[in-house]
Amino acid sequence: MQKRIQILVLLLLGLGYLQAQESYQLRSAEIAINGTSSLHDWVSTTTKITASGDLTIEGGTLVDVSSLQLTIPVKSITSEKGKIMDNKTYNALLSDQYPNITFKLQDVKSIEPEGTGLVVKASGALTIAGKTKTIEIIAKAQADAKGNYRFTGKKALKMTDFGVDPPTALLGTLKTGDDITINFDLNLAKAENEN
């Protein structure tokens, strides 16, 4: 009987070792917002993003993302078209009243293997210009040799869904389209690897 208890304890300890929830911090990130206008396509980007999350790793593989939060300062977003476009963007996003865009993970629907990585399907609360909507996202996840994870993907949105009027310029002759696509590239490192 005592031997069985010892084996059971060892098995439970082994399972605890194989599956662990670990804190991750953002190591690097880039978000690109792609859109159109009556004159030309445009891209605005930012790398000034803060993020953290908790990932559950089992046998060296990601099995769950229990939390993930991102914050993007609106005034860190810059366009290839220059300051006039940037200021129009900040005004449209009500940056003085709502200085940050935020995303908070709500639910991971599935994590499936694909090639050498994983595909994560999830939903979360995206807040832009003070308005929050639940969105569905699909991200590709790839681990490196140290167990850090890179998440990449894209999401199509409409500005008006968040109460944002697409910016205009040149006395209204330049009008941006309502549809935008957000491309994201997030590199999360184990918190202890950040030193």
C-alpha atoms as a PDB file:
ATOM      1  CA  MET A   1       0.000   0.000   0.000  1.00  0.00           C
ATOM      2  CA  GLN A   2       2.781   2.408   0.926  1.00  0.00           C
ATOM      3  CA  LYS A   3       4.538   1.677  -2.385  1.00  0.00           C
ATOM      4  CA  ARG A   4       1.365   2.516  -4.322  1.00  0.00           C
ATOM      5  CA  ILE A   5       1.077   5.831  -2.495  1.00  0.00           C
ATOM      6  CA  GLN A   6       4.702   6.635  -3.322  1.00  0.00           C
ATOM      7  CA  ILE A   7       4.100   5.859  -7.015  1.00  0.00           C
ATOM      8  CA  LEU A   8       0.957   8.023  -6.999  1.00  0.00           C
ATOM      9  CA  VAL A   9       2.867  10.928  -5.412  1.00  0.00           C
ATOM     10  CA  LEU A  10       5.638  10.585  -8.008  1.00  0.00           C
ATOM     11  CA  LEU A  11       3.084  10.581 -10.833  1.00  0.00           C
ATOM     12  CA  LEU A  12       1.400  13.697  -9.472  1.00  0.00           C
ATOM     13  CA  LEU A  13       4.754  15.434  -9.094  1.00  0.00           C
ATOM     14  CA  GLY A  14       5.612  14.422 -12.647  1.00  0.00           C
ATOM     15  CA  LEU A  15       2.363  15.871 -13.985  1.00  0.00           C
ATOM     16  CA  GLY A  16       3.034  19.095 -12.121  1.00  0.00           C
ATOM     17  CA  TYR A  17       6.434  19.274 -13.757  1.00  0.00           C
ATOM     18  CA  LEU A  18       5.074  18.566 -17.215  1.00  0.00           C
ATOM     19  CA  GLN A  19       2.303  21.172 -17.035  1.00  0.00           C
ATOM     20  CA  ALA A  20       3.062  24.582 -15.648  1.00  0.00           C
ATOM     21  CA  GLN A  21       1.582  28.042 -15.978  1.00  0.00           C
ATOM     22  CA  GLU A  22       4.309  30.583 -16.591  1.00  0.00           C
ATOM     23  CA  SER A  23       4.339  34.374 -16.731  1.00  0.00           C
ATOM     24  CA  TYR A  24       5.526  35.963 -19.963  1.00  0.00           C
ATOM     25  CA  GLN A  25       6.555  39.537 -20.762  1.00  0.00           C
ATOM     26  CA  LEU A  26       6.751  41.296 -24.096  1.00  0.00           C
ATOM     27  CA  ARG A  27      10.253  41.189 -25.564  1.00  0.00           C
ATOM     28  CA  SER A  28       9.445  42.950 -28.854  1.00  0.00           C
ATOM     29  CA  ALA A  29       6.384  43.783 -30.912  1.00  0.00           C
ATOM     30  CA  GLU A  30       5.180  45.500 -34.028  1.00  0.00           C
ATOM     31  CA  ILE A  31       1.646  46.361 -35.023  1.00  0.00           C
ATOM     32  CA  ALA A  32       0.847  47.668 -38.508  1.00  0.00           C
ATOM     33  CA  ILE A  33      -2.514  49.169 -39.443  1.00  0.00           C
ATOM     34  CA  ASN A  34      -3.207  48.939 -43.173  1.00  0.00           C
ATOM     35  CA  GLY A  35      -5.906  51.019 -44.805  1.00  0.00           C
ATOM     36  CA  THR A  36      -7.062  52.696 -47.996  1.00  0.00           C
ATOM     37  CA  SER A  37      -8.055  56.191 -49.039  1.00  0.00           C
ATOM     38  CA  SER A  38      -9.442  57.947 -52.095  1.00  0.00           C
ATOM     39  CA  LEU A  39      -5.855  58.765 -53.161  1.00  0.00           C
ATOM     40  CA  HIS A  40      -3.612  55.950 -51.915  1.00  0.00           C
ATOM     41  CA  ASP A  41      -3.236  53.021 -49.559  1.00  0.00           C
ATOM     42  CA  TRP A  42      -1.565  53.787 -46.234  1.00  0.00           C
ATOM     43  CA  VAL A  43       0.189  52.041 -43.352  1.00  0.00           C
ATOM     44  CA  SER A  44       0.589  53.214 -39.756  1.00  0.00           C
ATOM     45  CA  THR A  45       2.839  51.320 -37.350  1.00  0.00           C
ATOM     46  CA  THR A  46       3.940  51.194 -33.734  1.00  0.00           C
ATOM     47  CA  THR A  47       6.444  49.216 -31.697  1.00  0.00           C
ATOM     48  CA  LYS A  48       5.689  50.984 -28.391  1.00  0.00           C
ATOM     49  CA  ILE A  49       3.444  48.299 -26.968  1.00  0.00           C
ATOM     50  CA  THR A  50       3.240  46.840 -23.478  1.00  0.00           C
ATOM     51  CA  ALA A  51       1.975  43.306 -22.952  1.00  0.00           C
ATOM     52  CA  SER A  52       2.043  40.462 -20.482  1.00  0.00           C
ATOM     53  CA  GLY A  53       0.351  37.122 -20.139  1.00  0.00           C
ATOM     54  CA  ASP A  54       0.293  33.668 -18.610  1.00  0.00           C
ATOM     55  CA  LEU A  55       0.865  30.650 -20.825  1.00  0.00           C
ATOM     56  CA  THR A  56       0.359  27.026 -19.817  1.00  0.00           C
ATOM     57  CA  ILE A  57       3.066  24.727 -21.158  1.00  0.00           C
ATOM     58  CA  GLU A  58       2.668  20.949 -21.142  1.00  0.00           C
ATOM     59  CA  GLY A  59       5.532  18.727 -22.222  1.00  0.00           C
ATOM     60  CA  GLY A  60       7.254  21.747 -23.765  1.00  0.00           C
ATOM     61  CA  THR A  61       4.189  22.714 -25.847  1.00  0.00           C
ATOM     62  CA  LEU A  62       1.714  25.555 -25.432  1.00  0.00           C
ATOM     63  CA  VAL A  63      -1.683  24.165 -24.366  1.00  0.00           C
ATOM     64  CA  ASP A  64      -3.426  27.300 -23.060  1.00  0.00           C
ATOM     65  CA  VAL A  65      -3.165  31.077 -22.797  1.00  0.00           C
ATOM     66  CA  SER A  66      -4.897  31.901 -19.527  1.00  0.00           C
ATOM     67  CA  SER A  67      -4.336  35.649 -19.740  1.00  0.00           C
ATOM     68  CA  LEU A  68      -2.998  38.229 -22.181  1.00  0.00           C
ATOM     69  CA  GLN A  69      -3.246  42.014 -22.068  1.00  0.00           C
ATOM     70  CA  LEU A  70      -1.886  44.543 -24.556  1.00  0.00           C
ATOM     71  CA  THR A  71      -1.751  48.334 -24.372  1.00  0.00           C
ATOM     72  CA  ILE A  72      -0.926  50.562 -27.345  1.00  0.00           C
ATOM     73  CA  PRO A  73      -0.449  54.318 -26.787  1.00  0.00           C
ATOM     74  CA  VAL A  74      -2.422  56.011 -29.569  1.00  0.00           C
ATOM     75  CA  LYS A  75       0.212  58.705 -30.053  1.00  0.00           C
ATOM     76  CA  SER A  76       2.899  56.072 -30.677  1.00  0.00           C
ATOM     77  CA  ILE A  77       1.175  55.188 -33.971  1.00  0.00           C
ATOM     78  CA  THR A  78       2.891  56.874 -36.904  1.00  0.00           C
ATOM     79  CA  SER A  79       2.256  56.865 -40.637  1.00  0.00           C
ATOM     80  CA  GLU A  80       4.545  56.924 -43.653  1.00  0.00           C
ATOM     81  CA  LYS A  81       2.429  59.890 -44.795  1.00  0.00           C
ATOM     82  CA  GLY A  82       3.742  62.199 -42.054  1.00  0.00           C
ATOM     83  CA  LYS A  83       2.456  64.345 -39.217  1.00  0.00           C
ATOM     84  CA  ILE A  84      -0.695  65.617 -40.928  1.00  0.00           C
ATOM     85  CA  MET A  85      -1.966  62.049 -41.291  1.00  0.00           C
ATOM     86  CA  ASP A  86      -0.807  61.208 -37.747  1.00  0.00           C
ATOM     87  CA  ASN A  87      -2.669  64.148 -36.221  1.00  0.00           C
ATOM     88  CA  LYS A  88      -5.822  63.238 -38.174  1.00  0.00           C
ATOM     89  CA  THR A  89      -5.503  59.703 -36.788  1.00  0.00           C
ATOM     90  CA  TYR A  90      -5.048  60.927 -33.200  1.00  0.00           C
ATOM     91  CA  ASN A  91      -8.075  63.211 -33.519  1.00  0.00           C
ATOM     92  CA  ALA A  92     -10.221  60.427 -34.987  1.00  0.00           C
ATOM     93  CA  LEU A  93      -9.184  58.075 -32.156  1.00  0.00           C
ATOM     94  CA  LEU A  94      -9.942  60.755 -29.514  1.00  0.00           C
ATOM     95  CA  SER A  95      -6.405  60.340 -28.173  1.00  0.00           C
ATOM     96  CA  ASP A  96      -6.659  63.139 -25.592  1.00  0.00           C
ATOM     97  CA  GLN A  97      -9.694  61.500 -23.985  1.00  0.00           C
ATOM     98  CA  TYR A  98      -8.673  57.871 -24.612  1.00  0.00           C
ATOM     99  CA  PRO A  99      -4.849  57.746 -24.839  1.00  0.00           C
ATOM    100  CA  ASN A 100      -4.595  53.954 -25.190  1.00  0.00           C
ATOM    101  CA  ILE A 101      -5.915  51.138 -27.342  1.00  0.00           C
ATOM    102  CA  THR A 102      -6.209  47.964 -25.273  1.00  0.00           C
ATOM    103  CA  PHE A 103      -6.826  44.274 -25.859  1.00  0.00           C
ATOM    104  CA  LYS A 104      -7.670  41.756 -23.142  1.00  0.00           C
ATOM    105  CA  LEU A 105      -7.943  38.048 -23.887  1.00  0.00           C
ATOM    106  CA  GLN A 106     -11.253  36.517 -22.854  1.00  0.00           C
ATOM    107  CA  ASP A 107     -11.306  32.951 -24.167  1.00  0.00           C
ATOM    108  CA  VAL A 108      -9.059  30.522 -26.035  1.00  0.00           C
ATOM    109  CA  LYS A 109     -11.261  28.407 -28.277  1.00  0.00           C
ATOM    110  CA  SER A 110      -8.603  26.067 -29.656  1.00  0.00           C
ATOM    111  CA  ILE A 111      -4.870  25.494 -30.039  1.00  0.00           C
ATOM    112  CA  GLU A 112      -4.017  23.169 -32.918  1.00  0.00           C
ATOM    113  CA  PRO A 113      -0.679  22.089 -34.421  1.00  0.00           C
ATOM    114  CA  GLU A 114       0.165  23.424 -37.885  1.00  0.00           C
ATOM    115  CA  GLY A 115       3.529  22.739 -39.517  1.00  0.00           C
ATOM    116  CA  THR A 116       6.254  23.441 -36.955  1.00  0.00           C
ATOM    117  CA  GLY A 117       4.015  25.722 -34.887  1.00  0.00           C
ATOM    118  CA  LEU A 118       0.490  26.129 -33.575  1.00  0.00           C
ATOM    119  CA  VAL A 119      -2.681  27.975 -34.557  1.00  0.00           C
ATOM    120  CA  VAL A 120      -4.468  29.699 -31.686  1.00  0.00           C
ATOM    121  CA  LYS A 121      -8.123  30.721 -32.063  1.00  0.00           C
ATOM    122  CA  ALA A 122      -9.323  33.078 -29.370  1.00  0.00           C
ATOM    123  CA  SER A 123     -11.596  35.981 -28.505  1.00  0.00           C
ATOM    124  CA  GLY A 124     -10.940  39.126 -26.558  1.00  0.00           C
ATOM    125  CA  ALA A 125     -12.107  42.624 -25.693  1.00  0.00           C
ATOM    126  CA  LEU A 126     -10.648  45.314 -27.964  1.00  0.00           C
ATOM    127  CA  THR A 127     -11.102  48.909 -26.821  1.00  0.00           C
ATOM    128  CA  ILE A 128     -10.604  51.758 -29.312  1.00  0.00           C
ATOM    129  CA  ALA A 129     -11.592  55.384 -28.654  1.00  0.00           C
ATOM    130  CA  GLY A 130     -13.385  54.321 -25.479  1.00  0.00           C
ATOM    131  CA  LYS A 131     -15.603  51.720 -27.186  1.00  0.00           C
ATOM    132  CA  THR A 132     -15.122  48.006 -26.409  1.00  0.00           C
ATOM    133  CA  LYS A 133     -16.067  45.147 -28.699  1.00  0.00           C
ATOM    134  CA  THR A 134     -15.411  41.412 -28.487  1.00  0.00           C
ATOM    135  CA  ILE A 135     -13.428  40.233 -31.497  1.00  0.00           C
ATOM    136  CA  GLU A 136     -12.293  36.824 -32.748  1.00  0.00           C
ATOM    137  CA  ILE A 137      -8.611  36.423 -33.606  1.00  0.00           C
ATOM    138  CA  ILE A 138      -6.457  33.725 -35.163  1.00  0.00           C
ATOM    139  CA  ALA A 139      -2.737  33.749 -34.413  1.00  0.00           C
ATOM    140  CA  LYS A 140       0.157  31.545 -35.410  1.00  0.00           C
ATOM    141  CA  ALA A 141       2.371  30.638 -32.449  1.00  0.00           C
ATOM    142  CA  GLN A 142       5.984  29.541 -32.778  1.00  0.00           C
ATOM    143  CA  ALA A 143       8.314  28.588 -29.908  1.00  0.00           C
ATOM    144  CA  ASP A 144      12.064  29.124 -29.875  1.00  0.00           C
ATOM    145  CA  ALA A 145      14.673  26.925 -28.184  1.00  0.00           C
ATOM    146  CA  LYS A 146      14.269  28.801 -24.875  1.00  0.00           C
ATOM    147  CA  GLY A 147      10.498  28.310 -24.748  1.00  0.00           C
ATOM    148  CA  ASN A 148       9.664  31.883 -25.721  1.00  0.00           C
ATOM    149  CA  TYR A 149       6.716  32.373 -28.079  1.00  0.00           C
ATOM    150  CA  ARG A 150       6.114  34.513 -31.151  1.00  0.00           C
ATOM    151  CA  PHE A 151       2.500  35.224 -32.102  1.00  0.00           C
ATOM    152  CA  THR A 152       1.679  36.583 -35.567  1.00  0.00           C
ATOM    153  CA  GLY A 153      -1.560  37.242 -37.391  1.00  0.00           C
ATOM    154  CA  LYS A 154      -3.947  39.808 -38.790  1.00  0.00           C
ATOM    155  CA  LYS A 155      -7.460  41.027 -38.122  1.00  0.00           C
ATOM    156  CA  ALA A 156      -9.836  42.969 -40.383  1.00  0.00           C
ATOM    157  CA  LEU A 157     -11.904  45.669 -38.664  1.00  0.00           C
ATOM    158  CA  LYS A 158     -14.171  48.590 -39.492  1.00  0.00           C
ATOM    159  CA  MET A 159     -13.380  51.925 -37.842  1.00  0.00           C
ATOM    160  CA  THR A 160     -17.073  52.795 -37.565  1.00  0.00           C
ATOM    161  CA  ASP A 161     -17.671  49.663 -35.436  1.00  0.00           C
ATOM    162  CA  PHE A 162     -15.769  51.531 -32.714  1.00  0.00           C
ATOM    163  CA  GLY A 163     -17.494  54.852 -33.345  1.00  0.00           C
ATOM    164  CA  VAL A 164     -14.446  56.201 -35.196  1.00  0.00           C
ATOM    165  CA  ASP A 165     -15.103  58.435 -38.198  1.00  0.00           C
ATOM    166  CA  PRO A 166     -12.544  57.621 -40.930  1.00  0.00           C
ATOM    167  CA  PRO A 167     -10.163  60.624 -41.128  1.00  0.00           C
ATOM    168  CA  THR A 168     -10.322  63.097 -43.999  1.00  0.00           C
ATOM    169  CA  ALA A 169      -7.798  65.660 -45.247  1.00  0.00           C
ATOM    170  CA  LEU A 170      -7.315  68.308 -47.930  1.00  0.00           C
ATOM    171  CA  LEU A 171     -10.728  69.866 -47.264  1.00  0.00           C
ATOM    172  CA  GLY A 172     -12.402  66.480 -47.539  1.00  0.00           C
ATOM    173  CA  THR A 173     -10.916  65.539 -50.919  1.00  0.00           C
ATOM    174  CA  LEU A 174      -8.856  62.773 -49.264  1.00  0.00           C
ATOM    175  CA  LYS A 175     -11.085  60.267 -47.519  1.00  0.00           C
ATOM    176  CA  THR A 176      -9.839  57.154 -45.778  1.00  0.00           C
ATOM    177  CA  GLY A 177     -11.771  53.918 -46.119  1.00  0.00           C
ATOM    178  CA  ASP A 178     -13.691  52.399 -43.220  1.00  0.00           C
ATOM    179  CA  ASP A 179     -11.981  49.006 -43.547  1.00  0.00           C
ATOM    180  CA  ILE A 180      -8.590  48.455 -41.925  1.00  0.00           C
ATOM    181  CA  THR A 181      -6.422  45.406 -41.330  1.00  0.00           C
ATOM    182  CA  ILE A 182      -4.293  45.113 -38.205  1.00  0.00           C
ATOM    183  CA  ASN A 183      -1.172  42.956 -38.562  1.00  0.00           C
ATOM    184  CA  PHE A 184       0.509  41.943 -35.316  1.00  0.00           C
ATOM    185  CA  ASP A 185       3.860  40.372 -34.439  1.00  0.00           C
ATOM    186  CA  LEU A 186       4.356  39.793 -30.700  1.00  0.00           C
ATOM    187  CA  ASN A 187       7.373  38.122 -29.106  1.00  0.00           C
ATOM    188  CA  LEU A 188       6.723  36.964 -25.543  1.00  0.00           C
ATOM    189  CA  ALA A 189       9.601  35.813 -23.354  1.00  0.00           C
ATOM    190  CA  LYS A 190       9.468  33.925 -20.070  1.00  0.00           C
ATOM    191  CA  ALA A 191       9.599  36.497 -17.310  1.00  0.00           C
ATOM    192  CA  GLU A 192      12.821  35.051 -15.869  1.00  0.00           C
ATOM    193  CA  ASN A 193      14.516  35.335 -19.277  1.00  0.00           C
ATOM    194  CA  GLU A 194      13.986  39.086 -19.404  1.00  0.00           C
ATOM    195  CA  ASN A 195      17.117  39.794 -17.322  1.00  0.00           C
END
